[in-house]
N, C-alpha and C. Protein backbone atom coordinates (compact mmCIF):
# COMPACT_ATOMS: atom_id res chain seq x y z
N CYS A 1 20.98 50.40 -24.83
CA CYS A 1 22.11 49.89 -24.06
C CYS A 1 23.27 49.57 -25.00
N ALA A 2 24.45 49.54 -24.43
CA ALA A 2 25.65 49.18 -25.19
C ALA A 2 25.63 47.69 -25.52
N ALA A 3 26.47 47.28 -26.47
CA ALA A 3 26.58 45.88 -26.84
C ALA A 3 26.93 45.05 -25.60
N GLY A 4 26.30 43.89 -25.46
CA GLY A 4 26.57 43.00 -24.35
C GLY A 4 25.78 43.33 -23.09
N LYS A 5 24.89 44.33 -23.19
CA LYS A 5 24.08 44.73 -22.03
C LYS A 5 22.61 44.82 -22.43
N SER A 6 21.75 44.77 -21.41
CA SER A 6 20.32 44.93 -21.66
C SER A 6 19.71 45.76 -20.53
N ALA A 7 18.51 46.26 -20.77
CA ALA A 7 17.81 47.05 -19.76
C ALA A 7 17.47 46.16 -18.57
N ALA A 8 17.84 46.61 -17.38
CA ALA A 8 17.56 45.83 -16.18
C ALA A 8 16.06 45.68 -15.96
N THR A 9 15.32 46.75 -16.19
CA THR A 9 13.87 46.77 -16.05
C THR A 9 13.31 47.52 -17.25
N ALA A 10 12.28 46.96 -17.84
CA ALA A 10 11.68 47.59 -19.02
C ALA A 10 11.33 49.05 -18.72
N GLY A 11 11.71 49.92 -19.62
CA GLY A 11 11.39 51.33 -19.49
C GLY A 11 12.41 52.15 -18.72
N LEU A 12 13.37 51.50 -18.06
CA LEU A 12 14.40 52.23 -17.32
C LEU A 12 15.69 52.26 -18.13
N SER A 13 16.53 53.21 -17.84
CA SER A 13 17.76 53.37 -18.62
C SER A 13 18.94 52.60 -18.04
N GLU A 14 18.79 52.00 -16.87
CA GLU A 14 19.89 51.23 -16.27
C GLU A 14 20.12 49.95 -17.08
N CYS A 15 21.38 49.69 -17.43
CA CYS A 15 21.72 48.51 -18.24
C CYS A 15 22.58 47.55 -17.43
N VAL A 16 22.38 46.28 -17.63
CA VAL A 16 23.18 45.25 -16.95
C VAL A 16 23.77 44.32 -18.01
N ALA A 17 24.90 43.69 -17.65
CA ALA A 17 25.59 42.78 -18.57
C ALA A 17 24.75 41.53 -18.82
N CYS A 18 24.80 41.05 -20.06
CA CYS A 18 24.13 39.79 -20.40
C CYS A 18 24.87 38.64 -19.72
N ASP A 19 24.12 37.64 -19.27
CA ASP A 19 24.73 36.45 -18.67
C ASP A 19 25.47 35.63 -19.73
N PRO A 20 26.43 34.79 -19.32
CA PRO A 20 27.07 33.88 -20.27
C PRO A 20 25.99 33.04 -20.98
N GLY A 21 26.16 32.83 -22.27
CA GLY A 21 25.18 32.10 -23.07
C GLY A 21 24.15 33.02 -23.70
N ARG A 22 24.25 34.32 -23.39
CA ARG A 22 23.34 35.33 -23.95
C ARG A 22 24.19 36.49 -24.48
N PHE A 23 23.65 37.22 -25.44
CA PHE A 23 24.38 38.34 -26.03
C PHE A 23 23.40 39.43 -26.41
N SER A 24 23.92 40.62 -26.66
CA SER A 24 23.08 41.69 -27.22
C SER A 24 23.94 42.57 -28.11
N GLU A 25 23.30 43.10 -29.11
CA GLU A 25 23.97 44.03 -30.03
C GLU A 25 23.72 45.45 -29.55
N PRO A 26 24.50 46.42 -30.04
CA PRO A 26 24.30 47.82 -29.60
C PRO A 26 22.85 48.27 -29.82
N GLY A 27 22.30 48.97 -28.84
CA GLY A 27 20.95 49.51 -28.94
C GLY A 27 19.86 48.52 -28.56
N SER A 28 20.22 47.29 -28.27
CA SER A 28 19.22 46.28 -27.90
C SER A 28 18.75 46.50 -26.47
N SER A 29 17.49 46.23 -26.23
CA SER A 29 16.95 46.39 -24.87
C SER A 29 16.91 45.06 -24.12
N SER A 30 17.24 43.96 -24.81
CA SER A 30 17.24 42.65 -24.14
C SER A 30 18.37 41.78 -24.68
N CYS A 31 18.68 40.78 -23.92
CA CYS A 31 19.71 39.81 -24.31
C CYS A 31 19.05 38.64 -25.04
N SER A 32 19.70 38.12 -26.04
CA SER A 32 19.22 36.96 -26.79
C SER A 32 20.07 35.75 -26.44
N VAL A 33 19.49 34.55 -26.54
CA VAL A 33 20.26 33.34 -26.26
C VAL A 33 21.11 32.98 -27.48
N CYS A 34 22.26 32.43 -27.22
CA CYS A 34 23.11 31.94 -28.31
C CYS A 34 22.43 30.73 -28.95
N PRO A 35 22.48 30.62 -30.27
CA PRO A 35 21.90 29.45 -30.92
C PRO A 35 22.76 28.21 -30.66
N ALA A 36 22.18 27.04 -30.86
CA ALA A 36 22.92 25.78 -30.71
C ALA A 36 24.16 25.82 -31.60
N GLY A 37 25.27 25.30 -31.10
CA GLY A 37 26.52 25.29 -31.85
C GLY A 37 27.38 26.52 -31.65
N ARG A 38 26.88 27.45 -30.83
CA ARG A 38 27.61 28.69 -30.57
C ARG A 38 27.52 29.00 -29.08
N SER A 39 28.47 29.77 -28.56
CA SER A 39 28.44 30.17 -27.15
C SER A 39 29.21 31.47 -26.96
N THR A 40 29.10 32.02 -25.76
CA THR A 40 29.85 33.22 -25.41
C THR A 40 31.16 32.86 -24.72
N GLN A 41 31.45 31.56 -24.64
CA GLN A 41 32.68 31.06 -24.01
C GLN A 41 32.82 31.59 -22.59
N MET A 42 31.70 31.54 -21.86
CA MET A 42 31.62 31.93 -20.45
C MET A 42 31.81 33.43 -20.22
N ARG A 43 31.83 34.23 -21.29
CA ARG A 43 31.99 35.68 -21.12
C ARG A 43 30.69 36.31 -20.62
N LEU A 44 30.83 37.22 -19.70
CA LEU A 44 29.72 38.04 -19.20
C LEU A 44 29.67 39.30 -20.06
N GLY A 45 28.49 39.73 -20.47
CA GLY A 45 28.36 40.96 -21.24
C GLY A 45 28.85 40.84 -22.66
N SER A 46 28.54 39.73 -23.31
CA SER A 46 29.03 39.50 -24.67
C SER A 46 28.15 40.18 -25.72
N SER A 47 28.80 40.63 -26.78
CA SER A 47 28.07 41.23 -27.89
C SER A 47 27.88 40.24 -29.04
N ARG A 48 28.38 39.03 -28.88
CA ARG A 48 28.24 38.02 -29.95
C ARG A 48 28.42 36.62 -29.37
N CYS A 49 28.02 35.65 -30.15
CA CYS A 49 28.25 34.24 -29.84
C CYS A 49 29.23 33.70 -30.88
N ASP A 50 30.17 32.90 -30.45
CA ASP A 50 31.18 32.32 -31.35
C ASP A 50 30.86 30.85 -31.62
N ASP A 51 31.20 30.39 -32.83
CA ASP A 51 31.04 28.98 -33.17
C ASP A 51 31.87 28.12 -32.22
N CYS A 52 31.33 26.98 -31.83
CA CYS A 52 32.13 25.98 -31.11
C CYS A 52 33.19 25.46 -32.08
N SER A 53 34.37 25.18 -31.59
CA SER A 53 35.43 24.65 -32.45
C SER A 53 35.18 23.17 -32.74
N ARG A 54 35.87 22.64 -33.73
CA ARG A 54 35.77 21.21 -34.06
C ARG A 54 36.05 20.39 -32.80
N GLY A 55 35.32 19.30 -32.62
CA GLY A 55 35.48 18.45 -31.45
C GLY A 55 34.66 18.91 -30.26
N ARG A 56 33.91 19.99 -30.42
CA ARG A 56 33.10 20.56 -29.34
C ARG A 56 31.70 20.88 -29.86
N PHE A 57 30.74 21.02 -28.95
CA PHE A 57 29.35 21.30 -29.32
C PHE A 57 28.67 22.11 -28.22
N SER A 58 27.51 22.68 -28.54
CA SER A 58 26.69 23.33 -27.51
C SER A 58 25.22 23.25 -27.90
N GLU A 59 24.39 23.30 -26.88
CA GLU A 59 22.94 23.41 -27.09
C GLU A 59 22.58 24.89 -27.05
N GLU A 60 21.38 25.21 -27.44
CA GLU A 60 20.92 26.59 -27.43
C GLU A 60 21.05 27.20 -26.03
N GLY A 61 21.62 28.40 -25.95
CA GLY A 61 21.74 29.12 -24.68
C GLY A 61 22.84 28.63 -23.76
N ALA A 62 23.66 27.69 -24.22
CA ALA A 62 24.75 27.18 -23.38
C ALA A 62 25.81 28.27 -23.19
N PRO A 63 26.32 28.44 -21.97
CA PRO A 63 27.33 29.46 -21.73
C PRO A 63 28.70 29.11 -22.32
N ASP A 64 28.93 27.82 -22.59
CA ASP A 64 30.22 27.40 -23.15
C ASP A 64 30.02 26.15 -24.00
N CYS A 65 30.97 25.85 -24.84
CA CYS A 65 30.95 24.63 -25.64
C CYS A 65 31.53 23.49 -24.82
N HIS A 66 31.06 22.27 -25.09
CA HIS A 66 31.52 21.09 -24.37
C HIS A 66 32.25 20.15 -25.33
N ALA A 67 33.26 19.46 -24.82
CA ALA A 67 34.00 18.49 -25.63
C ALA A 67 33.11 17.28 -25.93
N CYS A 68 33.21 16.76 -27.15
CA CYS A 68 32.53 15.52 -27.48
C CYS A 68 33.11 14.41 -26.59
N GLN A 69 32.26 13.50 -26.15
CA GLN A 69 32.72 12.39 -25.32
C GLN A 69 33.49 11.38 -26.16
N GLU A 70 34.28 10.55 -25.49
CA GLU A 70 34.96 9.46 -26.20
C GLU A 70 33.90 8.66 -26.95
N GLY A 71 34.24 8.25 -28.17
CA GLY A 71 33.30 7.50 -29.00
C GLY A 71 32.45 8.38 -29.89
N SER A 72 32.74 9.69 -29.90
CA SER A 72 32.00 10.61 -30.76
C SER A 72 32.94 11.71 -31.24
N TYR A 73 32.47 12.48 -32.23
CA TYR A 73 33.30 13.52 -32.83
C TYR A 73 32.42 14.63 -33.40
N ALA A 74 32.99 15.80 -33.62
CA ALA A 74 32.34 16.91 -34.32
C ALA A 74 33.35 17.41 -35.35
N ASP A 75 33.05 17.18 -36.63
CA ASP A 75 34.04 17.47 -37.67
C ASP A 75 33.94 18.85 -38.30
N SER A 76 33.03 19.67 -37.81
CA SER A 76 32.96 21.04 -38.33
C SER A 76 32.66 22.00 -37.19
N PRO A 77 33.08 23.26 -37.34
CA PRO A 77 32.78 24.25 -36.31
C PRO A 77 31.27 24.49 -36.23
N GLY A 78 30.80 24.88 -35.06
CA GLY A 78 29.39 25.22 -34.89
C GLY A 78 28.47 24.02 -34.72
N ALA A 79 28.97 22.92 -34.21
CA ALA A 79 28.15 21.71 -34.04
C ALA A 79 27.19 21.86 -32.86
N SER A 80 25.95 21.42 -33.08
CA SER A 80 24.96 21.43 -32.00
C SER A 80 24.90 20.07 -31.31
N ALA A 81 25.59 19.08 -31.86
CA ALA A 81 25.67 17.74 -31.26
C ALA A 81 26.89 17.04 -31.85
N CYS A 82 27.34 16.01 -31.18
CA CYS A 82 28.45 15.20 -31.69
C CYS A 82 27.89 13.98 -32.41
N GLN A 83 28.64 13.48 -33.36
CA GLN A 83 28.25 12.28 -34.10
C GLN A 83 28.93 11.08 -33.45
N ALA A 84 28.19 10.01 -33.26
CA ALA A 84 28.74 8.80 -32.66
C ALA A 84 29.57 8.03 -33.68
N CYS A 85 30.67 7.45 -33.24
CA CYS A 85 31.42 6.53 -34.09
C CYS A 85 30.51 5.34 -34.37
N SER A 86 30.65 4.74 -35.51
CA SER A 86 29.77 3.63 -35.86
C SER A 86 30.29 2.29 -35.33
N GLY A 87 29.39 1.37 -35.17
CA GLY A 87 29.72 0.00 -34.77
C GLY A 87 30.56 -0.11 -33.52
N ASP A 88 31.66 -0.87 -33.64
CA ASP A 88 32.56 -1.13 -32.51
C ASP A 88 33.59 -0.03 -32.31
N LEU A 89 33.63 0.95 -33.21
CA LEU A 89 34.69 1.95 -33.19
C LEU A 89 34.50 2.97 -32.07
N THR A 90 35.60 3.53 -31.61
CA THR A 90 35.59 4.57 -30.58
C THR A 90 36.74 5.52 -30.83
N THR A 91 36.86 6.54 -30.02
CA THR A 91 37.99 7.46 -30.13
C THR A 91 38.90 7.27 -28.92
N ARG A 92 40.14 7.64 -29.07
CA ARG A 92 41.10 7.47 -27.98
C ARG A 92 40.85 8.48 -26.86
N PHE A 93 40.46 9.69 -27.23
CA PHE A 93 40.28 10.79 -26.27
C PHE A 93 38.97 11.53 -26.57
N PRO A 94 38.49 12.33 -25.61
CA PRO A 94 37.35 13.21 -25.90
C PRO A 94 37.77 14.29 -26.91
N ALA A 95 36.80 15.01 -27.43
CA ALA A 95 37.00 16.14 -28.35
C ALA A 95 37.58 15.74 -29.70
N ALA A 96 37.21 14.55 -30.21
CA ALA A 96 37.67 14.12 -31.53
C ALA A 96 37.08 15.04 -32.59
N GLU A 97 37.89 15.32 -33.63
CA GLU A 97 37.52 16.28 -34.66
C GLU A 97 37.20 15.66 -36.01
N ALA A 98 37.30 14.33 -36.15
CA ALA A 98 37.06 13.72 -37.45
C ALA A 98 36.69 12.25 -37.30
N VAL A 99 35.91 11.75 -38.25
CA VAL A 99 35.50 10.35 -38.23
C VAL A 99 36.73 9.44 -38.31
N GLU A 100 37.81 9.91 -38.91
CA GLU A 100 39.03 9.11 -39.02
C GLU A 100 39.64 8.82 -37.65
N GLN A 101 39.24 9.54 -36.63
CA GLN A 101 39.74 9.28 -35.28
C GLN A 101 38.95 8.15 -34.61
N CYS A 102 37.91 7.65 -35.26
CA CYS A 102 37.17 6.49 -34.76
C CYS A 102 37.91 5.23 -35.19
N MET A 103 38.37 4.46 -34.22
CA MET A 103 39.18 3.27 -34.50
C MET A 103 38.78 2.14 -33.56
N CYS A 104 39.35 0.97 -33.80
CA CYS A 104 39.09 -0.18 -32.93
C CYS A 104 39.77 0.04 -31.57
N PRO A 105 39.07 -0.29 -30.48
CA PRO A 105 39.66 -0.11 -29.15
C PRO A 105 40.79 -1.10 -28.89
N GLN A 106 41.58 -0.83 -27.86
CA GLN A 106 42.67 -1.72 -27.47
C GLN A 106 42.12 -3.11 -27.21
N GLY A 107 42.88 -4.13 -27.62
CA GLY A 107 42.46 -5.52 -27.45
C GLY A 107 41.67 -6.06 -28.61
N THR A 108 41.44 -5.20 -29.63
CA THR A 108 40.74 -5.61 -30.84
C THR A 108 41.49 -5.06 -32.05
N PHE A 109 41.10 -5.52 -33.25
CA PHE A 109 41.72 -5.02 -34.47
C PHE A 109 40.68 -4.99 -35.58
N ARG A 110 40.99 -4.22 -36.63
CA ARG A 110 40.12 -4.14 -37.80
C ARG A 110 40.65 -5.13 -38.83
N PRO A 111 39.84 -6.12 -39.20
CA PRO A 111 40.30 -7.13 -40.17
C PRO A 111 40.57 -6.53 -41.55
N SER A 112 41.36 -7.24 -42.35
CA SER A 112 41.68 -6.81 -43.70
C SER A 112 40.40 -6.64 -44.51
N GLY A 113 40.34 -5.59 -45.30
CA GLY A 113 39.17 -5.32 -46.12
C GLY A 113 38.04 -4.65 -45.34
N ALA A 114 38.28 -4.37 -44.06
CA ALA A 114 37.22 -3.78 -43.23
C ALA A 114 37.34 -2.27 -43.12
N GLU A 115 38.16 -1.65 -43.98
CA GLU A 115 38.39 -0.21 -43.88
C GLU A 115 37.10 0.57 -43.90
N LEU A 116 36.12 0.08 -44.64
CA LEU A 116 34.86 0.79 -44.74
C LEU A 116 33.82 0.26 -43.75
N ARG A 117 34.17 -0.80 -43.04
CA ARG A 117 33.25 -1.37 -42.05
C ARG A 117 33.59 -0.83 -40.68
N SER A 118 32.70 -1.05 -39.76
CA SER A 118 32.90 -0.54 -38.41
C SER A 118 33.00 -1.65 -37.38
N SER A 119 33.34 -2.87 -37.84
CA SER A 119 33.45 -3.98 -36.89
C SER A 119 34.90 -4.24 -36.52
N CYS A 120 35.10 -4.64 -35.29
CA CYS A 120 36.42 -4.98 -34.77
C CYS A 120 36.37 -6.42 -34.30
N GLU A 121 37.49 -7.11 -34.41
CA GLU A 121 37.59 -8.50 -33.98
C GLU A 121 38.50 -8.59 -32.76
N PRO A 122 38.27 -9.61 -31.89
CA PRO A 122 39.17 -9.79 -30.74
C PRO A 122 40.60 -10.04 -31.23
N CYS A 123 41.56 -9.60 -30.47
CA CYS A 123 42.97 -9.73 -30.83
C CYS A 123 43.38 -11.20 -30.82
N PRO A 124 43.89 -11.75 -31.96
CA PRO A 124 44.33 -13.15 -31.98
C PRO A 124 45.73 -13.31 -31.38
N LYS A 125 46.05 -14.53 -31.03
CA LYS A 125 47.37 -14.83 -30.51
C LYS A 125 48.40 -14.47 -31.59
N GLY A 126 49.49 -13.85 -31.18
CA GLY A 126 50.52 -13.44 -32.13
C GLY A 126 50.39 -12.00 -32.57
N MET A 127 49.38 -11.31 -32.11
CA MET A 127 49.21 -9.89 -32.43
C MET A 127 49.18 -9.08 -31.15
N ARG A 128 49.71 -7.91 -31.24
CA ARG A 128 49.56 -6.96 -30.14
C ARG A 128 48.56 -5.91 -30.64
N CYS A 129 47.45 -5.81 -29.99
CA CYS A 129 46.38 -4.93 -30.47
C CYS A 129 46.23 -3.70 -29.59
N GLU A 130 47.01 -2.69 -29.93
CA GLU A 130 46.86 -1.40 -29.27
C GLU A 130 45.66 -0.69 -29.92
N PHE A 131 45.30 0.47 -29.41
CA PHE A 131 44.21 1.24 -29.99
C PHE A 131 44.47 1.47 -31.48
N GLY A 132 43.48 1.22 -32.33
CA GLY A 132 43.59 1.48 -33.76
C GLY A 132 44.31 0.40 -34.55
N SER A 133 44.47 -0.79 -33.99
CA SER A 133 45.21 -1.87 -34.68
C SER A 133 44.47 -2.40 -35.90
N ASP A 134 45.28 -2.89 -36.84
CA ASP A 134 44.74 -3.63 -37.99
C ASP A 134 45.69 -4.79 -38.26
N LEU A 135 45.56 -5.49 -39.37
CA LEU A 135 46.37 -6.67 -39.65
C LEU A 135 47.86 -6.36 -39.79
N GLN A 136 48.23 -5.11 -39.99
CA GLN A 136 49.65 -4.76 -40.09
C GLN A 136 50.38 -4.97 -38.78
N ASN A 137 49.64 -5.15 -37.68
CA ASN A 137 50.25 -5.38 -36.38
C ASN A 137 50.64 -6.85 -36.16
N ARG A 138 50.34 -7.72 -37.11
CA ARG A 138 50.61 -9.15 -36.94
C ARG A 138 52.12 -9.39 -36.81
N TYR A 139 52.48 -10.17 -35.81
CA TYR A 139 53.88 -10.56 -35.65
C TYR A 139 54.10 -11.84 -36.41
N GLY A 140 55.24 -12.00 -37.04
CA GLY A 140 55.33 -13.17 -37.82
C GLY A 140 56.52 -13.95 -37.84
């Protein structure tokens, strides 16, 4: 069968397109599942699986990559899972691409010297604590 197709029934020459999440190379008689971290991006009859982009992931055989949920990120292409932000930190939007996008949520701030820590403190009087605030937001 041609690339992206497989034999409909073993021993017959009729070929059908591989379903999304599956692929075949030229001459193959069956479709293979895409490995975790890769997908056919919902294409029918694909000859290959592509890496999920940063901020996205897939499980084995998934027809498409999914965005990481808020509070997690995928910092390299081809992720099979997203990494959770540590401690109190979260991301502003889904599909975060780097740990640096993990910040303190609105209404909290990261105290001085806490750059390497993952704890956030409640916003004190005199500060406006938008998403990602630190002590530089202090009004004085």
